[in-house]
Amino acid sequence: MATALNVPGQSFFEELIGKFLNHKSIRDLEERLLQAPFLSLRCPHYHARGVFSAKPMVQELVEHYCEFMFVLRGRFSDRATRVEAYPPLPPPLIDRVWCEHILDTQGYDAFCSAIFGKFLHRDASVDLHRNTHRREICRAKTTLEYAKRLGTQRINRLIIAGLWWPTRSFEEPADADDIAEVEEVLTEVSRKRHAEEHGQGTVEASEDKRSRTETEDQPMDIFIQERAEFAGEGPIPKRFQFRIGDTVHHVTSSLCARRVPPGVGANRLTLSFGGIPLDPKKTLRSYGVFENSVLQVHAQ
């Protein structure tokens, strides 16, 4: 994992980052951004007259990313003594860059080229706002891959922390087996968390306790967070009370009645848990949703 933190080579983004880190000042980056020949070498479709409007976006993203990577390297510099440290939660744009960076350096490099090219008035190779459903499935697949690499215990803590997993550039569409595998991993995550909280040594013991104490009518506190797409920080999650046996449709209807988010009908709301879109016909329990879970709500 440590080696994956190195910025991939041969990218326009790497040169921007390198200049910023080497000079430790955004002023030097600004000077470089104002040099049209430098940018035109990397971006053939770059137009010099657009640099002044694009520069603030680029420098803000680069600055945020550098600060984030500095913290991240510090957190993981000695994993033997930092096993309980949570990775910091970056801004929505940066968390996508980070996840692409760690899991798929090729996808990371392609994403950087697309996003920074867009900000620099270059034709981006990726439409970041296309096909919402496919992006949701990609988030689920990313969560699954991360769970396999780090183990369900760590991915459980990340999900609880409310980290919204970004998409990956999967060319092939997700199939039913992919989705079922993700659901199985997240269900196992919820069981292990429940076992840890109640001092149970095994998942089986936790299941026995759940079967005795939980019923379909048992209420529980759930946090609902309105999803922020690619700009700014997401809103603070709000606490609601639902029952284990409630359907996803019941939850979205209840949120609509409470105007969360405001002005959106229930049929346009999508709930997700750990990056997985929830089927309106299924219950919260079928997805392994537990006490104090964080669900994301997104208006289609």
Foldseek 3Di string as FASTA:
>chain_A
DLVLLDQDPDAPLVVLLVQCVVVVDLVSSLVQLLDVVNVCVRAVQFDNVLSVVLVVVVSVVSVQLNVLSVVQCVQVVPCVVNVPPARDAGAQQNLALVLCSRPPNVQSRLVVCQVSCVSRVGHGPDDLPPDPVQFLLQQLLSLLVVCVVPPLQNSLVVLLVVRRGGGTPDPDGDDPVSLVSSLVSQLVSLLVVQCVVVVHPDSVVSVVVCVVPADQADKAKEWEWEDDRNDDHTDDTDIDIDGQNQFLLVVLCVCQVVCVPNPAHSVQKWKDGSSHTGDRGHGNVSSSDDHHGYIYIYGD
